[in-house]
């Protein structure tokens, strides 16, 4: 039964989305055209979780909102689609949004690396402080390893 549910869900989604896309064809045409940078990111992105595609797609969709604003102010028709897609400001916002997504994707690893490094330093400082407290309470013997050979003292 699990296999049937898995194959039924994408087919059901397509059966619902295709008629909806046809009813709102001008909006579908504008969003599909404006989201071309996301398609490029999808082709380039090789990671299994598709972080690049999600990041670029989200910002690109925000950039496409200018296109949608222009389109929804006009009468719905194919002539409006051509006028909206001819807007240079719309393309500027759509591509700027995609560029912000790329910058965020490329800029996050160094930020995360520095945060992880700072957290490791804090943890090391706390462990050293705790070890000093243990040495004060129990003596220097607690710092040696249990399986290390002991050196006879004179």
C-alpha atoms as a PDB file:
ATOM      1  CA  UNK A   1       0.000   0.000   0.000  1.00  0.00           C
ATOM      2  CA  UNK A   2       2.922   2.376   0.674  1.00  0.00           C
ATOM      3  CA  UNK A   3       4.068   2.136  -2.969  1.00  0.00           C
ATOM      4  CA  UNK A   4       0.598   3.054  -4.259  1.00  0.00           C
ATOM      5  CA  UNK A   5       0.412   6.136  -2.043  1.00  0.00           C
ATOM      6  CA  UNK A   6       3.833   7.291  -3.209  1.00  0.00           C
ATOM      7  CA  UNK A   7       2.963   7.124  -6.899  1.00  0.00           C
ATOM      8  CA  UNK A   8      -0.532   8.522  -6.410  1.00  0.00           C
ATOM      9  CA  UNK A   9       0.559  11.716  -4.667  1.00  0.00           C
ATOM     10  CA  UNK A  10       2.632  13.218  -7.550  1.00  0.00           C
ATOM     11  CA  UNK A  11      -0.071  12.308 -10.052  1.00  0.00           C
ATOM     12  CA  UNK A  12      -2.711  13.920  -7.862  1.00  0.00           C
ATOM     13  CA  UNK A  13      -0.620  17.070  -7.526  1.00  0.00           C
ATOM     14  CA  UNK A  14      -0.194  17.267 -11.302  1.00  0.00           C
ATOM     15  CA  UNK A  15      -3.907  16.728 -11.843  1.00  0.00           C
ATOM     16  CA  UNK A  16      -4.618  19.676  -9.538  1.00  0.00           C
ATOM     17  CA  UNK A  17      -1.813  22.016 -10.598  1.00  0.00           C
ATOM     18  CA  UNK A  18      -2.098  21.760 -14.398  1.00  0.00           C
ATOM     19  CA  UNK A  19      -5.707  23.003 -14.599  1.00  0.00           C
ATOM     20  CA  UNK A  20      -4.896  25.702 -12.053  1.00  0.00           C
ATOM     21  CA  UNK A  21      -1.886  26.813 -14.112  1.00  0.00           C
ATOM     22  CA  UNK A  22      -4.043  26.967 -17.233  1.00  0.00           C
ATOM     23  CA  UNK A  23      -6.721  29.031 -15.528  1.00  0.00           C
ATOM     24  CA  UNK A  24      -4.108  31.501 -14.292  1.00  0.00           C
ATOM     25  CA  UNK A  25      -1.988  31.279 -17.445  1.00  0.00           C
ATOM     26  CA  UNK A  26      -0.653  34.872 -17.457  1.00  0.00           C
ATOM     27  CA  UNK A  27       0.559  34.515 -13.880  1.00  0.00           C
ATOM     28  CA  UNK A  28       2.025  31.080 -14.619  1.00  0.00           C
ATOM     29  CA  UNK A  29       3.844  32.397 -17.694  1.00  0.00           C
ATOM     30  CA  UNK A  30       5.328  35.369 -15.840  1.00  0.00           C
ATOM     31  CA  UNK A  31       6.450  33.345 -12.802  1.00  0.00           C
ATOM     32  CA  UNK A  32       7.887  30.549 -14.929  1.00  0.00           C
ATOM     33  CA  UNK A  33       9.866  33.021 -17.025  1.00  0.00           C
ATOM     34  CA  UNK A  34      11.008  35.050 -14.029  1.00  0.00           C
ATOM     35  CA  UNK A  35      12.171  31.932 -12.193  1.00  0.00           C
ATOM     36  CA  UNK A  36      14.697  30.932 -14.878  1.00  0.00           C
ATOM     37  CA  UNK A  37      17.651  31.658 -12.507  1.00  0.00           C
ATOM     38  CA  UNK A  38      16.166  29.103 -10.124  1.00  0.00           C
ATOM     39  CA  UNK A  39      16.073  26.544 -12.934  1.00  0.00           C
ATOM     40  CA  UNK A  40      19.760  27.246 -13.583  1.00  0.00           C
ATOM     41  CA  UNK A  41      20.486  26.748  -9.872  1.00  0.00           C
ATOM     42  CA  UNK A  42      18.540  23.463  -9.974  1.00  0.00           C
ATOM     43  CA  UNK A  43      20.667  22.209 -12.863  1.00  0.00           C
ATOM     44  CA  UNK A  44      23.923  23.274 -11.164  1.00  0.00           C
ATOM     45  CA  UNK A  45      23.033  22.080  -7.649  1.00  0.00           C
ATOM     46  CA  UNK A  46      24.333  18.588  -7.069  1.00  0.00           C
ATOM     47  CA  UNK A  47      23.698  18.280  -3.352  1.00  0.00           C
ATOM     48  CA  UNK A  48      21.030  15.822  -2.232  1.00  0.00           C
ATOM     49  CA  UNK A  49      19.143  18.398  -0.139  1.00  0.00           C
ATOM     50  CA  UNK A  50      19.263  21.117  -2.859  1.00  0.00           C
ATOM     51  CA  UNK A  51      20.275  23.996  -0.592  1.00  0.00           C
ATOM     52  CA  UNK A  52      21.382  26.177  -3.508  1.00  0.00           C
ATOM     53  CA  UNK A  53      18.096  25.700  -5.331  1.00  0.00           C
ATOM     54  CA  UNK A  54      16.045  26.486  -2.242  1.00  0.00           C
ATOM     55  CA  UNK A  55      18.073  29.596  -1.404  1.00  0.00           C
ATOM     56  CA  UNK A  56      18.160  31.005  -4.934  1.00  0.00           C
ATOM     57  CA  UNK A  57      14.530  30.020  -5.524  1.00  0.00           C
ATOM     58  CA  UNK A  58      13.243  31.790  -2.448  1.00  0.00           C
ATOM     59  CA  UNK A  59      15.008  35.042  -3.182  1.00  0.00           C
ATOM     60  CA  UNK A  60      14.188  34.784  -6.887  1.00  0.00           C
ATOM     61  CA  UNK A  61      10.496  34.383  -6.051  1.00  0.00           C
ATOM     62  CA  UNK A  62      10.654  37.522  -3.924  1.00  0.00           C
ATOM     63  CA  UNK A  63      12.281  39.322  -6.849  1.00  0.00           C
ATOM     64  CA  UNK A  64       9.503  38.095  -9.164  1.00  0.00           C
ATOM     65  CA  UNK A  65       6.910  39.719  -6.947  1.00  0.00           C
ATOM     66  CA  UNK A  66       7.484  42.977  -8.860  1.00  0.00           C
ATOM     67  CA  UNK A  67       6.473  41.184 -12.063  1.00  0.00           C
ATOM     68  CA  UNK A  68       3.361  39.854 -10.363  1.00  0.00           C
ATOM     69  CA  UNK A  69       2.455  43.278  -9.011  1.00  0.00           C
ATOM     70  CA  UNK A  70       2.645  44.752 -12.504  1.00  0.00           C
ATOM     71  CA  UNK A  71       0.689  41.880 -14.030  1.00  0.00           C
ATOM     72  CA  UNK A  72      -2.121  41.945 -11.503  1.00  0.00           C
ATOM     73  CA  UNK A  73      -2.650  45.670 -12.040  1.00  0.00           C
ATOM     74  CA  UNK A  74      -3.268  45.071 -15.762  1.00  0.00           C
ATOM     75  CA  UNK A  75      -6.095  43.254 -17.531  1.00  0.00           C
ATOM     76  CA  UNK A  76      -5.350  39.530 -17.631  1.00  0.00           C
ATOM     77  CA  UNK A  77      -4.225  38.485 -21.111  1.00  0.00           C
ATOM     78  CA  UNK A  78      -1.211  37.458 -23.137  1.00  0.00           C
ATOM     79  CA  UNK A  79      -0.588  41.043 -24.197  1.00  0.00           C
ATOM     80  CA  UNK A  80      -0.130  41.957 -20.531  1.00  0.00           C
ATOM     81  CA  UNK A  81       2.401  39.146 -20.133  1.00  0.00           C
ATOM     82  CA  UNK A  82       4.588  40.584 -22.874  1.00  0.00           C
ATOM     83  CA  UNK A  83       4.390  44.085 -21.412  1.00  0.00           C
ATOM     84  CA  UNK A  84       5.273  42.851 -17.927  1.00  0.00           C
ATOM     85  CA  UNK A  85       8.178  40.696 -19.114  1.00  0.00           C
ATOM     86  CA  UNK A  86       9.493  43.699 -21.031  1.00  0.00           C
ATOM     87  CA  UNK A  87       9.981  45.635 -17.809  1.00  0.00           C
ATOM     88  CA  UNK A  88      13.687  46.128 -17.151  1.00  0.00           C
ATOM     89  CA  UNK A  89      13.041  46.862 -13.478  1.00  0.00           C
ATOM     90  CA  UNK A  90      11.243  43.532 -13.160  1.00  0.00           C
ATOM     91  CA  UNK A  91      14.245  41.692 -14.534  1.00  0.00           C
ATOM     92  CA  UNK A  92      16.541  43.726 -12.314  1.00  0.00           C
ATOM     93  CA  UNK A  93      14.576  42.686  -9.222  1.00  0.00           C
ATOM     94  CA  UNK A  94      14.266  39.047 -10.286  1.00  0.00           C
ATOM     95  CA  UNK A  95      17.970  38.713 -11.059  1.00  0.00           C
ATOM     96  CA  UNK A  96      18.945  40.737  -7.998  1.00  0.00           C
ATOM     97  CA  UNK A  97      16.892  38.369  -5.857  1.00  0.00           C
ATOM     98  CA  UNK A  98      18.603  35.359  -7.419  1.00  0.00           C
ATOM     99  CA  UNK A  99      21.984  37.027  -6.889  1.00  0.00           C
ATOM    100  CA  UNK A 100      21.175  37.587  -3.214  1.00  0.00           C
ATOM    101  CA  UNK A 101      20.335  33.900  -2.962  1.00  0.00           C
ATOM    102  CA  UNK A 102      23.715  33.012  -4.466  1.00  0.00           C
ATOM    103  CA  UNK A 103      25.518  35.379  -2.081  1.00  0.00           C
ATOM    104  CA  UNK A 104      23.714  33.917   0.905  1.00  0.00           C
ATOM    105  CA  UNK A 105      24.503  30.371  -0.234  1.00  0.00           C
ATOM    106  CA  UNK A 106      28.184  31.158  -0.791  1.00  0.00           C
ATOM    107  CA  UNK A 107      28.531  33.335   2.311  1.00  0.00           C
ATOM    108  CA  UNK A 108      27.051  30.993   4.889  1.00  0.00           C
ATOM    109  CA  UNK A 109      29.837  28.340   5.102  1.00  0.00           C
ATOM    110  CA  UNK A 110      32.468  30.816   6.384  1.00  0.00           C
ATOM    111  CA  UNK A 111      29.960  32.236   8.867  1.00  0.00           C
ATOM    112  CA  UNK A 112      29.014  28.777  10.139  1.00  0.00           C
ATOM    113  CA  UNK A 113      32.697  27.791  10.292  1.00  0.00           C
ATOM    114  CA  UNK A 114      33.537  30.789  12.479  1.00  0.00           C
ATOM    115  CA  UNK A 115      30.542  30.142  14.759  1.00  0.00           C
ATOM    116  CA  UNK A 116      31.516  26.476  15.140  1.00  0.00           C
ATOM    117  CA  UNK A 117      35.129  27.468  15.865  1.00  0.00           C
ATOM    118  CA  UNK A 118      34.026  29.951  18.535  1.00  0.00           C
ATOM    119  CA  UNK A 119      31.766  27.340  20.135  1.00  0.00           C
ATOM    120  CA  UNK A 120      34.640  24.831  20.176  1.00  0.00           C
ATOM    121  CA  UNK A 121      36.940  27.373  21.844  1.00  0.00           C
ATOM    122  CA  UNK A 122      34.309  28.133  24.477  1.00  0.00           C
ATOM    123  CA  UNK A 123      33.824  24.408  25.135  1.00  0.00           C
ATOM    124  CA  UNK A 124      37.588  23.888  25.432  1.00  0.00           C
ATOM    125  CA  UNK A 125      37.861  26.813  27.862  1.00  0.00           C
ATOM    126  CA  UNK A 126      35.071  25.367  30.024  1.00  0.00           C
ATOM    127  CA  UNK A 127      36.646  21.907  30.010  1.00  0.00           C
ATOM    128  CA  UNK A 128      40.047  23.336  31.015  1.00  0.00           C
ATOM    129  CA  UNK A 129      38.403  25.341  33.812  1.00  0.00           C
ATOM    130  CA  UNK A 130      36.608  22.207  35.035  1.00  0.00           C
ATOM    131  CA  UNK A 131      39.870  20.253  34.882  1.00  0.00           C
ATOM    132  CA  UNK A 132      41.587  22.922  36.996  1.00  0.00           C
ATOM    133  CA  UNK A 133      38.809  22.636  39.581  1.00  0.00           C
ATOM    134  CA  UNK A 134      39.221  18.863  39.652  1.00  0.00           C
ATOM    135  CA  UNK A 135      42.978  19.230  40.119  1.00  0.00           C
ATOM    136  CA  UNK A 136      42.348  21.578  43.061  1.00  0.00           C
ATOM    137  CA  UNK A 137      39.860  19.134  44.602  1.00  0.00           C
ATOM    138  CA  UNK A 138      41.521  15.787  43.848  1.00  0.00           C
ATOM    139  CA  UNK A 139      45.162  16.567  43.137  1.00  0.00           C
ATOM    140  CA  UNK A 140      47.293  16.346  39.989  1.00  0.00           C
ATOM    141  CA  UNK A 141      46.704  12.582  39.658  1.00  0.00           C
ATOM    142  CA  UNK A 142      43.343  13.198  37.960  1.00  0.00           C
ATOM    143  CA  UNK A 143      45.074  14.691  34.934  1.00  0.00           C
ATOM    144  CA  UNK A 144      46.988  11.526  34.027  1.00  0.00           C
ATOM    145  CA  UNK A 145      45.465   8.802  31.911  1.00  0.00           C
ATOM    146  CA  UNK A 146      44.438   5.595  33.657  1.00  0.00           C
ATOM    147  CA  UNK A 147      46.183   3.326  31.149  1.00  0.00           C
ATOM    148  CA  UNK A 148      49.400   5.388  31.019  1.00  0.00           C
ATOM    149  CA  UNK A 149      52.391   3.867  32.728  1.00  0.00           C
ATOM    150  CA  UNK A 150      53.120   5.492  36.048  1.00  0.00           C
ATOM    151  CA  UNK A 151      56.591   6.854  36.668  1.00  0.00           C
ATOM    152  CA  UNK A 152      58.080   6.057  40.022  1.00  0.00           C
ATOM    153  CA  UNK A 153      58.860   9.154  42.038  1.00  0.00           C
ATOM    154  CA  UNK A 154      62.019   9.482  44.054  1.00  0.00           C
END
